[in-house]
N, C-alpha and C. Protein backbone atom coordinates (compact mmCIF):
# COMPACT_ATOMS: atom_id res chain seq x y z
N MET A 1 -147.61 130.87 96.73
CA MET A 1 -146.63 130.12 95.95
C MET A 1 -147.34 129.01 95.19
N ASN A 2 -146.88 128.75 94.00
CA ASN A 2 -147.45 127.69 93.17
C ASN A 2 -146.95 126.34 93.66
N GLU A 3 -147.85 125.55 94.23
CA GLU A 3 -147.48 124.24 94.77
C GLU A 3 -147.11 123.25 93.67
N LYS A 4 -147.50 123.54 92.43
CA LYS A 4 -147.25 122.62 91.33
C LYS A 4 -145.92 122.92 90.63
N LEU A 5 -145.11 123.76 91.20
CA LEU A 5 -143.81 124.03 90.59
C LEU A 5 -143.04 122.73 90.46
N GLU A 6 -142.58 122.48 89.26
CA GLU A 6 -141.78 121.26 89.08
C GLU A 6 -140.31 121.58 89.32
N ARG A 7 -139.59 120.54 89.70
CA ARG A 7 -138.16 120.69 89.91
C ARG A 7 -137.49 120.83 88.56
N LEU A 8 -136.62 121.82 88.46
CA LEU A 8 -135.91 122.06 87.21
C LEU A 8 -134.62 121.26 87.15
N PRO A 9 -134.28 120.76 85.96
CA PRO A 9 -132.95 120.16 85.79
C PRO A 9 -131.89 121.24 86.02
N ASP A 10 -130.69 120.82 86.37
CA ASP A 10 -129.62 121.76 86.68
C ASP A 10 -129.36 122.75 85.55
N SER A 11 -129.46 122.29 84.31
CA SER A 11 -129.20 123.18 83.17
C SER A 11 -130.25 124.30 83.11
N GLU A 12 -131.51 123.97 83.29
CA GLU A 12 -132.55 124.98 83.27
C GLU A 12 -132.46 125.90 84.48
N LEU A 13 -132.09 125.33 85.60
CA LEU A 13 -131.90 126.14 86.80
C LEU A 13 -130.78 127.16 86.61
N ALA A 14 -129.72 126.78 85.92
CA ALA A 14 -128.62 127.70 85.64
C ALA A 14 -129.12 128.89 84.82
N VAL A 15 -130.00 128.64 83.87
CA VAL A 15 -130.57 129.72 83.07
C VAL A 15 -131.42 130.62 83.96
N MET A 16 -132.25 130.01 84.81
CA MET A 16 -133.09 130.81 85.70
C MET A 16 -132.26 131.66 86.65
N GLN A 17 -131.13 131.13 87.11
CA GLN A 17 -130.26 131.91 88.00
C GLN A 17 -129.81 133.19 87.31
N VAL A 18 -129.51 133.10 86.02
CA VAL A 18 -129.12 134.30 85.26
C VAL A 18 -130.29 135.26 85.17
N ILE A 19 -131.46 134.75 84.84
CA ILE A 19 -132.65 135.59 84.68
C ILE A 19 -133.01 136.27 86.00
N TRP A 20 -132.95 135.51 87.10
CA TRP A 20 -133.32 136.05 88.41
C TRP A 20 -132.41 137.18 88.87
N THR A 21 -131.19 137.25 88.37
CA THR A 21 -130.28 138.31 88.82
C THR A 21 -130.60 139.66 88.19
N GLU A 22 -131.41 139.67 87.16
CA GLU A 22 -131.71 140.90 86.43
C GLU A 22 -132.95 141.60 87.00
N GLU A 23 -132.91 142.92 87.03
CA GLU A 23 -134.04 143.72 87.51
C GLU A 23 -135.08 143.91 86.41
N ILE A 24 -134.64 143.90 85.17
CA ILE A 24 -135.52 144.15 84.03
C ILE A 24 -135.43 142.96 83.08
N PRO A 25 -136.36 142.84 82.14
CA PRO A 25 -136.25 141.74 81.17
C PRO A 25 -134.87 141.73 80.51
N ILE A 26 -134.34 140.54 80.32
CA ILE A 26 -132.98 140.37 79.80
C ILE A 26 -133.07 139.78 78.39
N GLY A 27 -132.27 140.32 77.51
CA GLY A 27 -132.24 139.84 76.14
C GLY A 27 -131.60 138.47 76.04
N SER A 28 -132.07 137.69 75.09
CA SER A 28 -131.53 136.34 74.91
C SER A 28 -130.04 136.38 74.61
N GLY A 29 -129.59 137.41 73.89
CA GLY A 29 -128.16 137.54 73.58
C GLY A 29 -127.31 137.67 74.83
N LYS A 30 -127.80 138.42 75.80
CA LYS A 30 -127.05 138.58 77.05
C LYS A 30 -127.04 137.27 77.84
N VAL A 31 -128.16 136.56 77.85
CA VAL A 31 -128.22 135.26 78.53
C VAL A 31 -127.21 134.31 77.89
N VAL A 32 -127.19 134.28 76.56
CA VAL A 32 -126.24 133.43 75.84
C VAL A 32 -124.81 133.81 76.20
N GLN A 33 -124.52 135.10 76.17
CA GLN A 33 -123.16 135.57 76.48
C GLN A 33 -122.72 135.13 77.88
N ILE A 34 -123.58 135.30 78.86
CA ILE A 34 -123.24 134.94 80.24
C ILE A 34 -122.99 133.44 80.35
N LEU A 35 -123.88 132.63 79.77
CA LEU A 35 -123.75 131.18 79.91
C LEU A 35 -122.65 130.60 79.03
N GLU A 36 -122.30 131.28 77.94
CA GLU A 36 -121.13 130.86 77.16
C GLU A 36 -119.87 131.02 78.02
N GLN A 37 -119.79 132.14 78.73
CA GLN A 37 -118.62 132.40 79.59
C GLN A 37 -118.59 131.49 80.81
N GLU A 38 -119.73 131.36 81.49
CA GLU A 38 -119.78 130.59 82.73
C GLU A 38 -119.73 129.08 82.51
N ARG A 39 -120.40 128.61 81.45
CA ARG A 39 -120.58 127.17 81.27
C ARG A 39 -120.03 126.61 79.97
N GLY A 40 -119.66 127.51 79.05
CA GLY A 40 -119.17 127.05 77.76
C GLY A 40 -120.28 126.54 76.85
N TRP A 41 -121.53 126.94 77.12
CA TRP A 41 -122.65 126.48 76.33
C TRP A 41 -122.76 127.26 75.02
N THR A 42 -123.29 126.62 74.01
CA THR A 42 -123.49 127.26 72.72
C THR A 42 -124.79 128.05 72.71
N ARG A 43 -124.90 128.92 71.73
CA ARG A 43 -126.12 129.71 71.55
C ARG A 43 -127.35 128.80 71.42
N SER A 44 -127.23 127.75 70.61
CA SER A 44 -128.39 126.88 70.39
C SER A 44 -128.80 126.16 71.67
N THR A 45 -127.84 125.76 72.50
CA THR A 45 -128.16 125.11 73.78
C THR A 45 -128.96 126.06 74.66
N VAL A 46 -128.50 127.28 74.78
CA VAL A 46 -129.19 128.26 75.63
C VAL A 46 -130.58 128.56 75.09
N GLN A 47 -130.71 128.68 73.78
CA GLN A 47 -132.01 128.97 73.19
C GLN A 47 -133.01 127.83 73.45
N VAL A 48 -132.54 126.60 73.38
CA VAL A 48 -133.41 125.45 73.69
C VAL A 48 -133.86 125.51 75.14
N LEU A 49 -132.95 125.82 76.04
CA LEU A 49 -133.28 125.89 77.46
C LEU A 49 -134.27 127.03 77.74
N LEU A 50 -134.07 128.18 77.09
CA LEU A 50 -135.00 129.30 77.25
C LEU A 50 -136.39 128.90 76.77
N LYS A 51 -136.47 128.22 75.66
CA LYS A 51 -137.75 127.78 75.11
C LYS A 51 -138.45 126.80 76.07
N ARG A 52 -137.69 125.86 76.62
CA ARG A 52 -138.26 124.90 77.57
C ARG A 52 -138.83 125.61 78.79
N LEU A 53 -138.08 126.58 79.31
CA LEU A 53 -138.52 127.31 80.50
C LEU A 53 -139.77 128.13 80.20
N GLU A 54 -139.84 128.65 79.00
CA GLU A 54 -141.04 129.38 78.59
C GLU A 54 -142.24 128.43 78.52
N GLU A 55 -142.05 127.26 77.94
CA GLU A 55 -143.12 126.26 77.82
C GLU A 55 -143.59 125.77 79.19
N LYS A 56 -142.67 125.69 80.15
CA LYS A 56 -143.02 125.23 81.50
C LYS A 56 -143.65 126.32 82.35
N GLY A 57 -143.70 127.55 81.83
CA GLY A 57 -144.30 128.65 82.58
C GLY A 57 -143.38 129.35 83.55
N PHE A 58 -142.08 129.10 83.44
CA PHE A 58 -141.12 129.77 84.30
C PHE A 58 -140.69 131.13 83.75
N LEU A 59 -140.76 131.30 82.43
CA LEU A 59 -140.33 132.54 81.78
C LEU A 59 -141.42 133.11 80.91
N GLY A 60 -141.47 134.44 80.89
CA GLY A 60 -142.27 135.15 79.92
C GLY A 60 -141.32 135.70 78.87
N CYS A 61 -141.80 135.82 77.64
CA CYS A 61 -140.96 136.29 76.55
C CYS A 61 -141.68 137.39 75.78
N GLU A 62 -140.99 138.49 75.57
CA GLU A 62 -141.52 139.58 74.75
C GLU A 62 -140.57 139.78 73.58
N ARG A 63 -141.15 140.03 72.43
CA ARG A 63 -140.35 140.28 71.23
C ARG A 63 -140.34 141.77 70.93
N GLU A 64 -139.17 142.23 70.53
CA GLU A 64 -139.02 143.59 70.00
C GLU A 64 -138.28 143.41 68.68
N GLY A 65 -139.05 143.34 67.61
CA GLY A 65 -138.46 143.02 66.32
C GLY A 65 -137.97 141.59 66.34
N ARG A 66 -136.70 141.41 66.05
CA ARG A 66 -136.12 140.07 66.06
C ARG A 66 -135.56 139.69 67.43
N LEU A 67 -135.54 140.64 68.34
CA LEU A 67 -134.97 140.41 69.66
C LEU A 67 -136.01 139.83 70.62
N LYS A 68 -135.53 138.95 71.51
CA LYS A 68 -136.39 138.37 72.54
C LYS A 68 -135.88 138.81 73.90
N PHE A 69 -136.81 139.17 74.76
CA PHE A 69 -136.48 139.56 76.12
C PHE A 69 -137.27 138.69 77.08
N TYR A 70 -136.57 138.18 78.09
CA TYR A 70 -137.16 137.23 79.03
C TYR A 70 -137.27 137.83 80.42
N CYS A 71 -138.35 137.47 81.11
CA CYS A 71 -138.52 137.85 82.50
C CYS A 71 -139.07 136.64 83.26
N PRO A 72 -138.73 136.52 84.52
CA PRO A 72 -139.22 135.37 85.30
C PRO A 72 -140.71 135.48 85.60
N LEU A 73 -141.40 134.38 85.46
CA LEU A 73 -142.80 134.30 85.87
C LEU A 73 -142.92 133.61 87.23
N VAL A 74 -141.83 132.99 87.65
CA VAL A 74 -141.74 132.34 88.96
C VAL A 74 -140.64 133.07 89.74
N ALA A 75 -140.98 133.54 90.91
CA ALA A 75 -140.00 134.25 91.75
C ALA A 75 -138.97 133.26 92.29
N ARG A 76 -137.74 133.72 92.37
CA ARG A 76 -136.66 132.89 92.91
C ARG A 76 -137.03 132.38 94.30
N GLU A 77 -137.57 133.26 95.13
CA GLU A 77 -137.91 132.89 96.51
C GLU A 77 -138.95 131.77 96.55
N ASP A 78 -139.91 131.82 95.63
CA ASP A 78 -140.93 130.76 95.58
C ASP A 78 -140.31 129.43 95.18
N TYR A 79 -139.43 129.47 94.19
CA TYR A 79 -138.79 128.24 93.74
C TYR A 79 -137.89 127.65 94.82
N VAL A 80 -137.09 128.50 95.45
CA VAL A 80 -136.19 128.03 96.51
C VAL A 80 -136.99 127.48 97.68
N SER A 81 -138.07 128.14 98.02
CA SER A 81 -138.91 127.66 99.12
C SER A 81 -139.47 126.27 98.82
N LYS A 82 -139.96 126.08 97.61
CA LYS A 82 -140.50 124.78 97.20
C LYS A 82 -139.42 123.71 97.22
N GLU A 83 -138.25 124.02 96.68
CA GLU A 83 -137.15 123.06 96.66
C GLU A 83 -136.68 122.71 98.07
N THR A 84 -136.64 123.71 98.94
CA THR A 84 -136.23 123.47 100.33
C THR A 84 -137.22 122.56 101.03
N LYS A 85 -138.50 122.83 100.81
CA LYS A 85 -139.56 121.99 101.41
C LYS A 85 -139.44 120.55 100.93
N THR A 86 -139.23 120.37 99.63
CA THR A 86 -139.10 119.04 99.06
C THR A 86 -137.87 118.32 99.61
N PHE A 87 -136.76 119.04 99.69
CA PHE A 87 -135.52 118.48 100.24
C PHE A 87 -135.74 118.01 101.68
N LEU A 88 -136.37 118.87 102.47
CA LEU A 88 -136.62 118.54 103.87
C LEU A 88 -137.53 117.32 104.00
N GLU A 89 -138.55 117.24 103.14
CA GLU A 89 -139.46 116.08 103.16
C GLU A 89 -138.74 114.79 102.78
N HIS A 90 -137.97 114.84 101.71
CA HIS A 90 -137.32 113.63 101.18
C HIS A 90 -136.20 113.10 102.06
N PHE A 91 -135.41 113.99 102.61
CA PHE A 91 -134.22 113.54 103.33
C PHE A 91 -134.34 113.58 104.84
N TYR A 92 -135.25 114.40 105.37
CA TYR A 92 -135.31 114.56 106.82
C TYR A 92 -136.73 114.41 107.38
N GLN A 93 -137.64 113.85 106.58
CA GLN A 93 -139.02 113.61 107.01
C GLN A 93 -139.61 114.85 107.69
N ASN A 94 -139.38 116.01 107.09
CA ASN A 94 -139.86 117.31 107.58
C ASN A 94 -139.30 117.70 108.94
N SER A 95 -138.16 117.17 109.30
CA SER A 95 -137.56 117.47 110.60
C SER A 95 -136.42 118.49 110.45
N TYR A 96 -136.71 119.70 110.88
CA TYR A 96 -135.66 120.73 110.88
C TYR A 96 -134.54 120.34 111.84
N GLN A 97 -134.93 119.70 112.94
CA GLN A 97 -133.94 119.26 113.90
C GLN A 97 -132.98 118.26 113.26
N GLY A 98 -133.53 117.34 112.46
CA GLY A 98 -132.70 116.36 111.78
C GLY A 98 -131.72 117.01 110.81
N LEU A 99 -132.19 118.02 110.10
CA LEU A 99 -131.32 118.74 109.17
C LEU A 99 -130.18 119.44 109.92
N ILE A 100 -130.54 120.17 110.96
CA ILE A 100 -129.51 120.89 111.74
C ILE A 100 -128.55 119.90 112.39
N ALA A 101 -129.08 118.81 112.94
CA ALA A 101 -128.21 117.80 113.56
C ALA A 101 -127.24 117.22 112.54
N SER A 102 -127.71 116.99 111.33
CA SER A 102 -126.85 116.47 110.27
C SER A 102 -125.74 117.45 109.93
N LEU A 103 -126.09 118.73 109.85
CA LEU A 103 -125.08 119.75 109.54
C LEU A 103 -124.03 119.85 110.66
N VAL A 104 -124.51 119.79 111.89
CA VAL A 104 -123.58 119.88 113.03
C VAL A 104 -122.67 118.65 113.06
N LYS A 105 -123.24 117.46 112.89
CA LYS A 105 -122.44 116.22 112.92
C LYS A 105 -121.41 116.17 111.81
N SER A 106 -121.76 116.71 110.64
CA SER A 106 -120.82 116.66 109.51
C SER A 106 -119.81 117.80 109.57
N GLU A 107 -119.95 118.64 110.58
CA GLU A 107 -119.04 119.77 110.79
C GLU A 107 -119.02 120.73 109.61
N THR A 108 -120.15 120.84 108.91
CA THR A 108 -120.25 121.80 107.82
C THR A 108 -120.89 123.11 108.28
N ILE A 109 -121.27 123.15 109.54
CA ILE A 109 -121.87 124.36 110.08
C ILE A 109 -120.96 124.89 111.19
N ARG A 110 -120.74 126.20 111.15
CA ARG A 110 -119.84 126.84 112.12
C ARG A 110 -120.65 127.40 113.29
N GLU A 111 -119.97 127.72 114.34
CA GLU A 111 -120.62 128.31 115.53
C GLU A 111 -121.35 129.60 115.16
N GLU A 112 -120.73 130.41 114.29
CA GLU A 112 -121.36 131.67 113.86
C GLU A 112 -122.66 131.39 113.11
N ASP A 113 -122.67 130.31 112.33
CA ASP A 113 -123.88 129.94 111.60
C ASP A 113 -125.00 129.57 112.58
N ILE A 114 -124.65 128.83 113.61
CA ILE A 114 -125.63 128.42 114.62
C ILE A 114 -126.20 129.66 115.31
N ASP A 115 -125.33 130.59 115.66
CA ASP A 115 -125.79 131.83 116.29
C ASP A 115 -126.75 132.59 115.38
N GLU A 116 -126.45 132.62 114.10
CA GLU A 116 -127.31 133.32 113.15
C GLU A 116 -128.66 132.62 113.01
N ILE A 117 -128.64 131.29 112.98
CA ILE A 117 -129.89 130.53 112.90
C ILE A 117 -130.75 130.80 114.12
N VAL A 118 -130.15 130.79 115.30
CA VAL A 118 -130.90 131.07 116.53
C VAL A 118 -131.49 132.48 116.47
N SER A 119 -130.72 133.43 115.97
CA SER A 119 -131.20 134.80 115.84
C SER A 119 -132.39 134.89 114.89
N ILE A 120 -132.31 134.20 113.76
CA ILE A 120 -133.41 134.20 112.78
C ILE A 120 -134.66 133.60 113.39
N ILE A 121 -134.50 132.49 114.09
CA ILE A 121 -135.66 131.83 114.72
C ILE A 121 -136.26 132.74 115.79
N THR A 122 -135.43 133.32 116.60
CA THR A 122 -135.89 134.20 117.67
C THR A 122 -136.64 135.39 117.10
N ASN A 123 -136.09 136.02 116.09
CA ASN A 123 -136.71 137.20 115.49
C ASN A 123 -138.02 136.85 114.78
N ASN A 124 -138.09 135.69 114.15
CA ASN A 124 -139.31 135.30 113.43
C ASN A 124 -140.40 134.84 114.37
N SER A 125 -140.02 134.31 115.53
CA SER A 125 -141.04 133.84 116.46
C SER A 125 -141.74 134.99 117.16
N ARG A 126 -141.16 136.17 117.10
CA ARG A 126 -141.77 137.36 117.73
C ARG A 126 -142.78 138.03 116.83
N LYS A 127 -142.87 137.62 115.58
CA LYS A 127 -143.77 138.27 114.63
C LYS A 127 -145.18 137.75 114.77
């Protein structure tokens, strides 16, 4: 994973979420269409965001005539992992226990969630 991944603003992250859902390179027109519907953004707004993401190294762009097709250069899993690590460092001083305790105390975690977390930990510790 690229340790130098920078945190994306919410607007750029929204664009990446669209790109990450596609199996193949996605045309800029389709990205615009999706974000116009979901967010009410204009074509020019989406194009600016696509350009920024390309400049930051998050997107690759291929041209076919006048059409542009984008593909992720950063995997969603890598970005989420980096953001999770940063979140844990900033708010819980790298303490998973602190994070879980906070979720339990705020009652945002259900018993089923706790069971699933225990199962994930148990299964991963056997590897």
